[in-house]
Structure formats: C-alpha cells, structure tokens
Amino acid sequence: MTPDNQDILFSGEYNSYRPTELDPESQHLTCFVGGMFGLGGRLFDIE
C-alpha cells in the first residue's frame, strides 16, 4: 500500500507455521528477484 497507489511488487517471507499469513518484510537483497523473473520469463517464454 503506497500513498501514490503504485502498481509495484516486493518479495516477502513465508513461515509454514503461519500458513495463511505473508510476512511483508523485504530486503535490499531481494531486489535481484525482478531480474530473475525477467530472465526466466524470456528464456522460458513466460510473458
């Protein structure tokens, strides 16, 4: 949720002992994920 209603995504964490809850904690380290999705999407034809 952002003040300017940005259509953006982040990666959080998941714990199996709270199966219905997302932990919306993110890290600078997880910012690589965008590149990974982009590369995988191109290589495997997943737009």
ModelCIF file with pLDDT and N, C-alpha, C, O atoms, coordinates in Angstrom:
data_MODEL
#
_entry.id   MODEL 
#
_entity.id                         1 
_entity.type                       polymer 
_entity.pdbx_number_of_molecules   1 
#
_entity_poly.entity_id                      1 
_entity_poly.type                           'polypeptide(L)' 
_entity_poly.nstd_linkage                   no 
_entity_poly.nstd_monomer                   no 
_entity_poly.pdbx_seq_one_letter_code       MTPDNQDILFSGEYNSYRPTELDPESQHLTCFVGGMFGLGGRLFDIE 
_entity_poly.pdbx_seq_one_letter_code_can   MTPDNQDILFSGEYNSYRPTELDPESQHLTCFVGGMFGLGGRLFDIE 
_entity_poly.pdbx_strand_id                 A 
#
loop_
_entity_poly_seq.entity_id 
_entity_poly_seq.num 
_entity_poly_seq.mon_id 
_entity_poly_seq.hetero 
1 1  MET n 
1 2  THR n 
1 3  PRO n 
1 4  ASP n 
1 5  ASN n 
1 6  GLN n 
1 7  ASP n 
1 8  ILE n 
1 9  LEU n 
1 10 PHE n 
1 11 SER n 
1 12 GLY n 
1 13 GLU n 
1 14 TYR n 
1 15 ASN n 
1 16 SER n 
1 17 TYR n 
1 18 ARG n 
1 19 PRO n 
1 20 THR n 
1 21 GLU n 
1 22 LEU n 
1 23 ASP n 
1 24 PRO n 
1 25 GLU n 
1 26 SER n 
1 27 GLN n 
1 28 HIS n 
1 29 LEU n 
1 30 THR n 
1 31 CYS n 
1 32 PHE n 
1 33 VAL n 
1 34 GLY n 
1 35 GLY n 
1 36 MET n 
1 37 PHE n 
1 38 GLY n 
1 39 LEU n 
1 40 GLY n 
1 41 GLY n 
1 42 ARG n 
1 43 LEU n 
1 44 PHE n 
1 45 ASP n 
1 46 ILE n 
1 47 GLU n 
#
_struct_asym.id          A 
_struct_asym.entity_id   1 
#
loop_
_ma_qa_metric.id 
_ma_qa_metric.mode 
_ma_qa_metric.name 
_ma_qa_metric.software_group_id 
_ma_qa_metric.type 
1 global pLDDT . pLDDT 
2 local  pLDDT . pLDDT 
#
_ma_qa_metric_global.metric_id      1 
_ma_qa_metric_global.metric_value   95.72 
_ma_qa_metric_global.model_id       1 
_ma_qa_metric_global.ordinal_id     1 
#
loop_
_ma_qa_metric_local.label_asym_id 
_ma_qa_metric_local.label_comp_id 
_ma_qa_metric_local.label_seq_id 
_ma_qa_metric_local.metric_id 
_ma_qa_metric_local.metric_value 
_ma_qa_metric_local.model_id 
_ma_qa_metric_local.ordinal_id 
A MET 1  2 97.00 1 1  
A THR 2  2 97.00 1 2  
A PRO 3  2 95.00 1 3  
A ASP 4  2 93.00 1 4  
A ASN 5  2 94.00 1 5  
A GLN 6  2 96.00 1 6  
A ASP 7  2 96.00 1 7  
A ILE 8  2 98.00 1 8  
A LEU 9  2 98.00 1 9  
A PHE 10 2 98.00 1 10 
A SER 11 2 98.00 1 11 
A GLY 12 2 98.00 1 12 
A GLU 13 2 97.00 1 13 
A TYR 14 2 97.00 1 14 
A ASN 15 2 96.00 1 15 
A SER 16 2 93.00 1 16 
A TYR 17 2 89.00 1 17 
A ARG 18 2 88.00 1 18 
A PRO 19 2 78.00 1 19 
A THR 20 2 81.00 1 20 
A GLU 21 2 84.00 1 21 
A LEU 22 2 92.00 1 22 
A ASP 23 2 95.00 1 23 
A PRO 24 2 96.00 1 24 
A GLU 25 2 97.00 1 25 
A SER 26 2 98.00 1 26 
A GLN 27 2 98.00 1 27 
A HIS 28 2 98.00 1 28 
A LEU 29 2 98.00 1 29 
A THR 30 2 98.00 1 30 
A CYS 31 2 98.00 1 31 
A PHE 32 2 98.00 1 32 
A VAL 33 2 98.00 1 33 
A GLY 34 2 98.00 1 34 
A GLY 35 2 98.00 1 35 
A MET 36 2 99.00 1 36 
A PHE 37 2 99.00 1 37 
A GLY 38 2 98.00 1 38 
A LEU 39 2 98.00 1 39 
A GLY 40 2 98.00 1 40 
A GLY 41 2 98.00 1 41 
A ARG 42 2 98.00 1 42 
A LEU 43 2 98.00 1 43 
A PHE 44 2 98.00 1 44 
A ASP 45 2 98.00 1 45 
A ILE 46 2 98.00 1 46 
A GLU 47 2 98.00 1 47 
#
loop_
_atom_site.group_PDB 
_atom_site.id 
_atom_site.type_symbol 
_atom_site.label_atom_id 
_atom_site.label_alt_id 
_atom_site.label_comp_id 
_atom_site.label_asym_id 
_atom_site.label_entity_id 
_atom_site.label_seq_id 
_atom_site.pdbx_PDB_ins_code 
_atom_site.Cartn_x 
_atom_site.Cartn_y 
_atom_site.Cartn_z 
_atom_site.occupancy 
_atom_site.B_iso_or_equiv 
_atom_site.pdbx_formal_charge 
_atom_site.auth_seq_id 
_atom_site.auth_comp_id 
_atom_site.auth_asym_id 
_atom_site.auth_atom_id 
_atom_site.pdbx_PDB_model_num 
ATOM 1   N N  . MET A 1 1  ? 0.852  -1.178  0.000   1.00 97.00 ? 1  MET A N  1 
ATOM 2   C CA . MET A 1 1  ? 0.000  0.000   0.000   1.00 97.00 ? 1  MET A CA 1 
ATOM 3   C C  . MET A 1 1  ? 0.896  1.239   0.000   1.00 97.00 ? 1  MET A C  1 
ATOM 4   O O  . MET A 1 1  ? 1.718  1.408   0.901   1.00 97.00 ? 1  MET A O  1 
ATOM 5   N N  . THR A 1 2  ? 0.747  2.093   -0.989  1.00 97.00 ? 2  THR A N  1 
ATOM 6   C CA . THR A 1 2  ? 1.597  3.281   -1.115  1.00 97.00 ? 2  THR A CA 1 
ATOM 7   C C  . THR A 1 2  ? 0.738  4.534   -1.266  1.00 97.00 ? 2  THR A C  1 
ATOM 8   O O  . THR A 1 2  ? -0.387 4.449   -1.757  1.00 97.00 ? 2  THR A O  1 
ATOM 9   N N  . PRO A 1 3  ? 1.245  5.690   -0.856  1.00 95.00 ? 3  PRO A N  1 
ATOM 10  C CA . PRO A 1 3  ? 0.454  6.927   -0.956  1.00 95.00 ? 3  PRO A CA 1 
ATOM 11  C C  . PRO A 1 3  ? 0.068  7.276   -2.382  1.00 95.00 ? 3  PRO A C  1 
ATOM 12  O O  . PRO A 1 3  ? -0.985 7.874   -2.608  1.00 95.00 ? 3  PRO A O  1 
ATOM 13  N N  . ASP A 1 4  ? 0.902  6.913   -3.346  1.00 93.00 ? 4  ASP A N  1 
ATOM 14  C CA . ASP A 1 4  ? 0.613  7.243   -4.751  1.00 93.00 ? 4  ASP A CA 1 
ATOM 15  C C  . ASP A 1 4  ? 0.060  6.060   -5.528  1.00 93.00 ? 4  ASP A C  1 
ATOM 16  O O  . ASP A 1 4  ? 0.026  6.075   -6.759  1.00 93.00 ? 4  ASP A O  1 
ATOM 17  N N  . ASN A 1 5  ? -0.381 5.016   -4.790  1.00 94.00 ? 5  ASN A N  1 
ATOM 18  C CA . ASN A 1 5  ? -1.060 3.865   -5.396  1.00 94.00 ? 5  ASN A CA 1 
ATOM 19  C C  . ASN A 1 5  ? -0.229 3.232   -6.521  1.00 94.00 ? 5  ASN A C  1 
ATOM 20  O O  . ASN A 1 5  ? -0.748 2.943   -7.599  1.00 94.00 ? 5  ASN A O  1 
ATOM 21  N N  . GLN A 1 6  ? 1.048  3.025   -6.259  1.00 96.00 ? 6  GLN A N  1 
ATOM 22  C CA . GLN A 1 6  ? 1.946  2.442   -7.245  1.00 96.00 ? 6  GLN A CA 1 
ATOM 23  C C  . GLN A 1 6  ? 1.616  0.971   -7.510  1.00 96.00 ? 6  GLN A C  1 
ATOM 24  O O  . GLN A 1 6  ? 1.361  0.209   -6.577  1.00 96.00 ? 6  GLN A O  1 
ATOM 25  N N  . ASP A 1 7  ? 1.621  0.585   -8.764  1.00 96.00 ? 7  ASP A N  1 
ATOM 26  C CA . ASP A 1 7  ? 1.401  -0.818  -9.135  1.00 96.00 ? 7  ASP A CA 1 
ATOM 27  C C  . ASP A 1 7  ? 2.764  -1.512  -9.190  1.00 96.00 ? 7  ASP A C  1 
ATOM 28  O O  . ASP A 1 7  ? 3.322  -1.747  -10.262 1.00 96.00 ? 7  ASP A O  1 
ATOM 29  N N  . ILE A 1 8  ? 3.276  -1.828  -8.011  1.00 98.00 ? 8  ILE A N  1 
ATOM 30  C CA . ILE A 1 8  ? 4.611  -2.404  -7.881  1.00 98.00 ? 8  ILE A CA 1 
ATOM 31  C C  . ILE A 1 8  ? 4.534  -3.638  -6.991  1.00 98.00 ? 8  ILE A C  1 
ATOM 32  O O  . ILE A 1 8  ? 3.520  -3.890  -6.340  1.00 98.00 ? 8  ILE A O  1 
ATOM 33  N N  . LEU A 1 9  ? 5.626  -4.402  -6.974  1.00 98.00 ? 9  LEU A N  1 
ATOM 34  C CA . LEU A 1 9  ? 5.666  -5.621  -6.175  1.00 98.00 ? 9  LEU A CA 1 
ATOM 35  C C  . LEU A 1 9  ? 6.948  -5.681  -5.341  1.00 98.00 ? 9  LEU A C  1 
ATOM 36  O O  . LEU A 1 9  ? 7.975  -5.098  -5.689  1.00 98.00 ? 9  LEU A O  1 
ATOM 37  N N  . PHE A 1 10 ? 6.843  -6.413  -4.224  1.00 98.00 ? 10 PHE A N  1 
ATOM 38  C CA . PHE A 1 10 ? 8.003  -6.740  -3.402  1.00 98.00 ? 10 PHE A CA 1 
ATOM 39  C C  . PHE A 1 10 ? 7.924  -8.210  -3.024  1.00 98.00 ? 10 PHE A C  1 
ATOM 40  O O  . PHE A 1 10 ? 6.877  -8.844  -3.154  1.00 98.00 ? 10 PHE A O  1 
ATOM 41  N N  . SER A 1 11 ? 9.031  -8.736  -2.561  1.00 98.00 ? 11 SER A N  1 
ATOM 42  C CA . SER A 1 11 ? 9.070  -10.125 -2.109  1.00 98.00 ? 11 SER A CA 1 
ATOM 43  C C  . SER A 1 11 ? 9.194  -10.157 -0.593  1.00 98.00 ? 11 SER A C  1 
ATOM 44  O O  . SER A 1 11 ? 10.086 -9.534  -0.017  1.00 98.00 ? 11 SER A O  1 
ATOM 45  N N  . GLY A 1 12 ? 8.286  -10.893 0.046   1.00 98.00 ? 12 GLY A N  1 
ATOM 46  C CA . GLY A 1 12 ? 8.304  -11.022 1.496   1.00 98.00 ? 12 GLY A CA 1 
ATOM 47  C C  . GLY A 1 12 ? 8.826  -12.373 1.932   1.00 98.00 ? 12 GLY A C  1 
ATOM 48  O O  . GLY A 1 12 ? 9.659  -12.980 1.258   1.00 98.00 ? 12 GLY A O  1 
ATOM 49  N N  . GLU A 1 13 ? 8.326  -12.843 3.074   1.00 97.00 ? 13 GLU A N  1 
ATOM 50  C CA . GLU A 1 13 ? 8.760  -14.135 3.613   1.00 97.00 ? 13 GLU A CA 1 
ATOM 51  C C  . GLU A 1 13 ? 7.535  -14.955 3.997   1.00 97.00 ? 13 GLU A C  1 
ATOM 52  O O  . GLU A 1 13 ? 6.447  -14.426 4.223   1.00 97.00 ? 13 GLU A O  1 
ATOM 53  N N  . TYR A 1 14 ? 7.753  -16.274 4.063   1.00 97.00 ? 14 TYR A N  1 
ATOM 54  C CA . TYR A 1 14 ? 6.663  -17.193 4.383   1.00 97.00 ? 14 TYR A CA 1 
ATOM 55  C C  . TYR A 1 14 ? 7.164  -18.166 5.446   1.00 97.00 ? 14 TYR A C  1 
ATOM 56  O O  . TYR A 1 14 ? 8.267  -18.704 5.342   1.00 97.00 ? 14 TYR A O  1 
ATOM 57  N N  . ASN A 1 15 ? 6.346  -18.382 6.461   1.00 96.00 ? 15 ASN A N  1 
ATOM 58  C CA . ASN A 1 15 ? 6.652  -19.360 7.500   1.00 96.00 ? 15 ASN A CA 1 
ATOM 59  C C  . ASN A 1 15 ? 5.539  -20.391 7.548   1.00 96.00 ? 15 ASN A C  1 
ATOM 60  O O  . ASN A 1 15 ? 4.362  -20.038 7.632   1.00 96.00 ? 15 ASN A O  1 
ATOM 61  N N  . SER A 1 16 ? 5.902  -21.647 7.497   1.00 93.00 ? 16 SER A N  1 
ATOM 62  C CA . SER A 1 16 ? 4.892  -22.703 7.402   1.00 93.00 ? 16 SER A CA 1 
ATOM 63  C C  . SER A 1 16 ? 4.042  -22.815 8.653   1.00 93.00 ? 16 SER A C  1 
ATOM 64  O O  . SER A 1 16 ? 2.945  -23.370 8.604   1.00 93.00 ? 16 SER A O  1 
ATOM 65  N N  . TYR A 1 17 ? 4.534  -22.293 9.788   1.00 89.00 ? 17 TYR A N  1 
ATOM 66  C CA . TYR A 1 17 ? 3.717  -22.353 10.990  1.00 89.00 ? 17 TYR A CA 1 
ATOM 67  C C  . TYR A 1 17 ? 2.661  -21.245 11.008  1.00 89.00 ? 17 TYR A C  1 
ATOM 68  O O  . TYR A 1 17 ? 1.818  -21.204 11.904  1.00 89.00 ? 17 TYR A O  1 
ATOM 69  N N  . ARG A 1 18 ? 2.709  -20.329 9.999   1.00 88.00 ? 18 ARG A N  1 
ATOM 70  C CA . ARG A 1 18 ? 1.635  -19.352 9.796   1.00 88.00 ? 18 ARG A CA 1 
ATOM 71  C C  . ARG A 1 18 ? 1.207  -19.447 8.325   1.00 88.00 ? 18 ARG A C  1 
ATOM 72  O O  . ARG A 1 18 ? 1.436  -18.512 7.557   1.00 88.00 ? 18 ARG A O  1 
ATOM 73  N N  . PRO A 1 19 ? 0.595  -20.558 7.931   1.00 78.00 ? 19 PRO A N  1 
ATOM 74  C CA . PRO A 1 19 ? 0.391  -20.857 6.506   1.00 78.00 ? 19 PRO A CA 1 
ATOM 75  C C  . PRO A 1 19 ? -0.495 -19.878 5.760   1.00 78.00 ? 19 PRO A C  1 
ATOM 76  O O  . PRO A 1 19 ? -0.421 -19.801 4.534   1.00 78.00 ? 19 PRO A O  1 
ATOM 77  N N  . THR A 1 20 ? -1.322 -19.133 6.458   1.00 81.00 ? 20 THR A N  1 
ATOM 78  C CA . THR A 1 20 ? -2.222 -18.215 5.740   1.00 81.00 ? 20 THR A CA 1 
ATOM 79  C C  . THR A 1 20 ? -1.699 -16.787 5.753   1.00 81.00 ? 20 THR A C  1 
ATOM 80  O O  . THR A 1 20 ? -2.336 -15.897 5.189   1.00 81.00 ? 20 THR A O  1 
ATOM 81  N N  . GLU A 1 21 ? -0.560 -16.550 6.381   1.00 84.00 ? 21 GLU A N  1 
ATOM 82  C CA . GLU A 1 21 ? -0.064 -15.195 6.539   1.00 84.00 ? 21 GLU A CA 1 
ATOM 83  C C  . GLU A 1 21 ? 1.236  -14.979 5.781   1.00 84.00 ? 21 GLU A C  1 
ATOM 84  O O  . GLU A 1 21 ? 2.152  -15.800 5.841   1.00 84.00 ? 21 GLU A O  1 
ATOM 85  N N  . LEU A 1 22 ? 1.300  -13.876 5.077   1.00 92.00 ? 22 LEU A N  1 
ATOM 86  C CA . LEU A 1 22 ? 2.528  -13.414 4.459   1.00 92.00 ? 22 LEU A CA 1 
ATOM 87  C C  . LEU A 1 22 ? 3.233  -12.484 5.437   1.00 92.00 ? 22 LEU A C  1 
ATOM 88  O O  . LEU A 1 22 ? 2.588  -11.657 6.082   1.00 92.00 ? 22 LEU A O  1 
ATOM 89  N N  . ASP A 1 23 ? 4.528  -12.609 5.551   1.00 95.00 ? 23 ASP A N  1 
ATOM 90  C CA . ASP A 1 23 ? 5.307  -11.666 6.336   1.00 95.00 ? 23 ASP A CA 1 
ATOM 91  C C  . ASP A 1 23 ? 5.869  -10.633 5.357   1.00 95.00 ? 23 ASP A C  1 
ATOM 92  O O  . ASP A 1 23 ? 6.808  -10.937 4.622   1.00 95.00 ? 23 ASP A O  1 
ATOM 93  N N  . PRO A 1 24 ? 5.306  -9.403  5.333   1.00 96.00 ? 24 PRO A N  1 
ATOM 94  C CA . PRO A 1 24 ? 5.711  -8.411  4.336   1.00 96.00 ? 24 PRO A CA 1 
ATOM 95  C C  . PRO A 1 24 ? 7.007  -7.697  4.706   1.00 96.00 ? 24 PRO A C  1 
ATOM 96  O O  . PRO A 1 24 ? 7.110  -6.477  4.577   1.00 96.00 ? 24 PRO A O  1 
ATOM 97  N N  . GLU A 1 25 ? 7.979  -8.451  5.160   1.00 97.00 ? 25 GLU A N  1 
ATOM 98  C CA . GLU A 1 25 ? 9.311  -7.901  5.397   1.00 97.00 ? 25 GLU A CA 1 
ATOM 99  C C  . GLU A 1 25 ? 10.158 -8.150  4.155   1.00 97.00 ? 25 GLU A C  1 
ATOM 100 O O  . GLU A 1 25 ? 10.234 -9.276  3.665   1.00 97.00 ? 25 GLU A O  1 
ATOM 101 N N  . SER A 1 26 ? 10.780 -7.119  3.657   1.00 98.00 ? 26 SER A N  1 
ATOM 102 C CA . SER A 1 26 ? 11.588 -7.247  2.457   1.00 98.00 ? 26 SER A CA 1 
ATOM 103 C C  . SER A 1 26 ? 13.005 -6.758  2.726   1.00 98.00 ? 26 SER A C  1 
ATOM 104 O O  . SER A 1 26 ? 13.274 -6.139  3.756   1.00 98.00 ? 26 SER A O  1 
ATOM 105 N N  . GLN A 1 27 ? 13.894 -7.036  1.806   1.00 98.00 ? 27 GLN A N  1 
ATOM 106 C CA . GLN A 1 27 ? 15.313 -6.717  1.978   1.00 98.00 ? 27 GLN A CA 1 
ATOM 107 C C  . GLN A 1 27 ? 15.861 -6.138  0.688   1.00 98.00 ? 27 GLN A C  1 
ATOM 108 O O  . GLN A 1 27 ? 15.333 -6.384  -0.397  1.00 98.00 ? 27 GLN A O  1 
ATOM 109 N N  . HIS A 1 28 ? 16.930 -5.363  0.823   1.00 98.00 ? 28 HIS A N  1 
ATOM 110 C CA . HIS A 1 28 ? 17.624 -4.922  -0.383  1.00 98.00 ? 28 HIS A CA 1 
ATOM 111 C C  . HIS A 1 28 ? 18.099 -6.134  -1.178  1.00 98.00 ? 28 HIS A C  1 
ATOM 112 O O  . HIS A 1 28 ? 18.097 -6.110  -2.408  1.00 98.00 ? 28 HIS A O  1 
ATOM 113 N N  . LEU A 1 29 ? 18.501 -7.179  -0.487  1.00 98.00 ? 29 LEU A N  1 
ATOM 114 C CA . LEU A 1 29 ? 18.988 -8.391  -1.152  1.00 98.00 ? 29 LEU A CA 1 
ATOM 115 C C  . LEU A 1 29 ? 17.946 -8.988  -2.099  1.00 98.00 ? 29 LEU A C  1 
ATOM 116 O O  . LEU A 1 29 ? 18.304 -9.563  -3.127  1.00 98.00 ? 29 LEU A O  1 
ATOM 117 N N  . THR A 1 30 ? 16.656 -8.856  -1.761  1.00 98.00 ? 30 THR A N  1 
ATOM 118 C CA . THR A 1 30 ? 15.633 -9.479  -2.617  1.00 98.00 ? 30 THR A CA 1 
ATOM 119 C C  . THR A 1 30 ? 15.369 -8.689  -3.887  1.00 98.00 ? 30 THR A C  1 
ATOM 120 O O  . THR A 1 30 ? 14.575 -9.117  -4.725  1.00 98.00 ? 30 THR A O  1 
ATOM 121 N N  . CYS A 1 31 ? 16.016 -7.550  -4.045  1.00 98.00 ? 31 CYS A N  1 
ATOM 122 C CA . CYS A 1 31 ? 15.785 -6.769  -5.263  1.00 98.00 ? 31 CYS A CA 1 
ATOM 123 C C  . CYS A 1 31 ? 16.337 -7.456  -6.514  1.00 98.00 ? 31 CYS A C  1 
ATOM 124 O O  . CYS A 1 31 ? 16.030 -7.024  -7.625  1.00 98.00 ? 31 CYS A O  1 
ATOM 125 N N  . PHE A 1 32 ? 17.130 -8.498  -6.370  1.00 98.00 ? 32 PHE A N  1 
ATOM 126 C CA . PHE A 1 32 ? 17.576 -9.256  -7.536  1.00 98.00 ? 32 PHE A CA 1 
ATOM 127 C C  . PHE A 1 32 ? 16.423 -9.990  -8.209  1.00 98.00 ? 32 PHE A C  1 
ATOM 128 O O  . PHE A 1 32 ? 16.526 -10.384 -9.371  1.00 98.00 ? 32 PHE A O  1 
ATOM 129 N N  . VAL A 1 33 ? 15.321 -10.175 -7.476  1.00 98.00 ? 33 VAL A N  1 
ATOM 130 C CA . VAL A 1 33 ? 14.237 -11.046 -7.933  1.00 98.00 ? 33 VAL A CA 1 
ATOM 131 C C  . VAL A 1 33 ? 13.615 -10.531 -9.232  1.00 98.00 ? 33 VAL A C  1 
ATOM 132 O O  . VAL A 1 33 ? 13.207 -11.330 -10.075 1.00 98.00 ? 33 VAL A O  1 
ATOM 133 N N  . GLY A 1 34 ? 13.538 -9.224  -9.403  1.00 98.00 ? 34 GLY A N  1 
ATOM 134 C CA . GLY A 1 34 ? 12.986 -8.691  -10.644 1.00 98.00 ? 34 GLY A CA 1 
ATOM 135 C C  . GLY A 1 34 ? 13.771 -9.155  -11.853 1.00 98.00 ? 34 GLY A C  1 
ATOM 136 O O  . GLY A 1 34 ? 13.190 -9.562  -12.859 1.00 98.00 ? 34 GLY A O  1 
ATOM 137 N N  . GLY A 1 35 ? 15.080 -9.097  -11.760 1.00 98.00 ? 35 GLY A N  1 
ATOM 138 C CA . GLY A 1 35 ? 15.919 -9.567  -12.863 1.00 98.00 ? 35 GLY A CA 1 
ATOM 139 C C  . GLY A 1 35 ? 15.766 -11.049 -13.109 1.00 98.00 ? 35 GLY A C  1 
ATOM 140 O O  . GLY A 1 35 ? 15.768 -11.491 -14.258 1.00 98.00 ? 35 GLY A O  1 
ATOM 141 N N  . MET A 1 36 ? 15.631 -11.828 -12.043 1.00 99.00 ? 36 MET A N  1 
ATOM 142 C CA . MET A 1 36 ? 15.460 -13.270 -12.187 1.00 99.00 ? 36 MET A CA 1 
ATOM 143 C C  . MET A 1 36 ? 14.155 -13.592 -12.919 1.00 99.00 ? 36 MET A C  1 
ATOM 144 O O  . MET A 1 36 ? 14.135 -14.419 -13.830 1.00 99.00 ? 36 MET A O  1 
ATOM 145 N N  . PHE A 1 37 ? 13.061 -12.928 -12.512 1.00 99.00 ? 37 PHE A N  1 
ATOM 146 C CA . PHE A 1 37 ? 11.784 -13.152 -13.201 1.00 99.00 ? 37 PHE A CA 1 
ATOM 147 C C  . PHE A 1 37 ? 11.881 -12.724 -14.665 1.00 99.00 ? 37 PHE A C  1 
ATOM 148 O O  . PHE A 1 37 ? 11.372 -13.415 -15.547 1.00 99.00 ? 37 PHE A O  1 
ATOM 149 N N  . GLY A 1 38 ? 12.522 -11.603 -14.923 1.00 98.00 ? 38 GLY A N  1 
ATOM 150 C CA . GLY A 1 38 ? 12.653 -11.150 -16.300 1.00 98.00 ? 38 GLY A CA 1 
ATOM 151 C C  . GLY A 1 38 ? 13.441 -12.121 -17.146 1.00 98.00 ? 38 GLY A C  1 
ATOM 152 O O  . GLY A 1 38 ? 13.041 -12.443 -18.265 1.00 98.00 ? 38 GLY A O  1 
ATOM 153 N N  . LEU A 1 39 ? 14.568 -12.594 -16.617 1.00 98.00 ? 39 LEU A N  1 
ATOM 154 C CA . LEU A 1 39 ? 15.402 -13.541 -17.353 1.00 98.00 ? 39 LEU A CA 1 
ATOM 155 C C  . LEU A 1 39 ? 14.676 -14.857 -17.568 1.00 98.00 ? 39 LEU A C  1 
ATOM 156 O O  . LEU A 1 39 ? 14.671 -15.390 -18.677 1.00 98.00 ? 39 LEU A O  1 
ATOM 157 N N  . GLY A 1 40 ? 14.057 -15.390 -16.508 1.00 98.00 ? 40 GLY A N  1 
ATOM 158 C CA . GLY A 1 40 ? 13.313 -16.636 -16.650 1.00 98.00 ? 40 GLY A CA 1 
ATOM 159 C C  . GLY A 1 40 ? 12.153 -16.495 -17.612 1.00 98.00 ? 40 GLY A C  1 
ATOM 160 O O  . GLY A 1 40 ? 11.877 -17.396 -18.404 1.00 98.00 ? 40 GLY A O  1 
ATOM 161 N N  . GLY A 1 41 ? 11.469 -15.352 -17.541 1.00 98.00 ? 41 GLY A N  1 
ATOM 162 C CA . GLY A 1 41 ? 10.345 -15.121 -18.449 1.00 98.00 ? 41 GLY A CA 1 
ATOM 163 C C  . GLY A 1 41 ? 10.765 -15.131 -19.901 1.00 98.00 ? 41 GLY A C  1 
ATOM 164 O O  . GLY A 1 41 ? 10.055 -15.661 -20.755 1.00 98.00 ? 41 GLY A O  1 
ATOM 165 N N  . ARG A 1 42 ? 11.927 -14.543 -20.187 1.00 98.00 ? 42 ARG A N  1 
ATOM 166 C CA . ARG A 1 42 ? 12.419 -14.528 -21.566 1.00 98.00 ? 42 ARG A CA 1 
ATOM 167 C C  . ARG A 1 42 ? 12.896 -15.921 -22.007 1.00 98.00 ? 42 ARG A C  1 
ATOM 168 O O  . ARG A 1 42 ? 12.529 -16.391 -23.084 1.00 98.00 ? 42 ARG A O  1 
ATOM 169 N N  . LEU A 1 43 ? 13.705 -16.570 -21.183 1.00 98.00 ? 43 LEU A N  1 
ATOM 170 C CA . LEU A 1 43 ? 14.269 -17.865 -21.578 1.00 98.00 ? 43 LEU A CA 1 
ATOM 171 C C  . LEU A 1 43 ? 13.191 -18.926 -21.757 1.00 98.00 ? 43 LEU A C  1 
ATOM 172 O O  . LEU A 1 43 ? 13.285 -19.773 -22.645 1.00 98.00 ? 43 LEU A O  1 
ATOM 173 N N  . PHE A 1 44 ? 12.162 -18.875 -20.905 1.00 98.00 ? 44 PHE A N  1 
ATOM 174 C CA . PHE A 1 44 ? 11.152 -19.931 -20.915 1.00 98.00 ? 44 PHE A CA 1 
ATOM 175 C C  . PHE A 1 44 ? 9.831  -19.464 -21.530 1.00 98.00 ? 44 PHE A C  1 
ATOM 176 O O  . PHE A 1 44 ? 8.821  -20.162 -21.439 1.00 98.00 ? 44 PHE A O  1 
ATOM 177 N N  . ASP A 1 45 ? 9.838  -18.297 -22.150 1.00 98.00 ? 45 ASP A N  1 
ATOM 178 C CA . ASP A 1 45 ? 8.674  -17.779 -22.860 1.00 98.00 ? 45 ASP A CA 1 
ATOM 179 C C  . ASP A 1 45 ? 7.459  -17.667 -21.944 1.00 98.00 ? 45 ASP A C  1 
ATOM 180 O O  . ASP A 1 45 ? 6.375  -18.155 -22.264 1.00 98.00 ? 45 ASP A O  1 
ATOM 181 N N  . ILE A 1 46 ? 7.662  -17.011 -20.791 1.00 98.00 ? 46 ILE A N  1 
ATOM 182 C CA . ILE A 1 46 ? 6.575  -16.787 -19.840 1.00 98.00 ? 46 ILE A CA 1 
ATOM 183 C C  . ILE A 1 46 ? 6.405  -15.273 -19.714 1.00 98.00 ? 46 ILE A C  1 
ATOM 184 O O  . ILE A 1 46 ? 7.039  -14.652 -18.861 1.00 98.00 ? 46 ILE A O  1 
ATOM 185 N N  . GLU A 1 47 ? 5.581  -14.687 -20.531 1.00 98.00 ? 47 GLU A N  1 
ATOM 186 C CA . GLU A 1 47 ? 5.446  -13.233 -20.565 1.00 98.00 ? 47 GLU A CA 1 
ATOM 187 C C  . GLU A 1 47 ? 4.968  -12.685 -19.226 1.00 98.00 ? 47 GLU A C  1 
ATOM 188 O O  . GLU A 1 47 ? 4.800  -11.475 -19.079 1.00 98.00 ? 47 GLU A O  1 
#
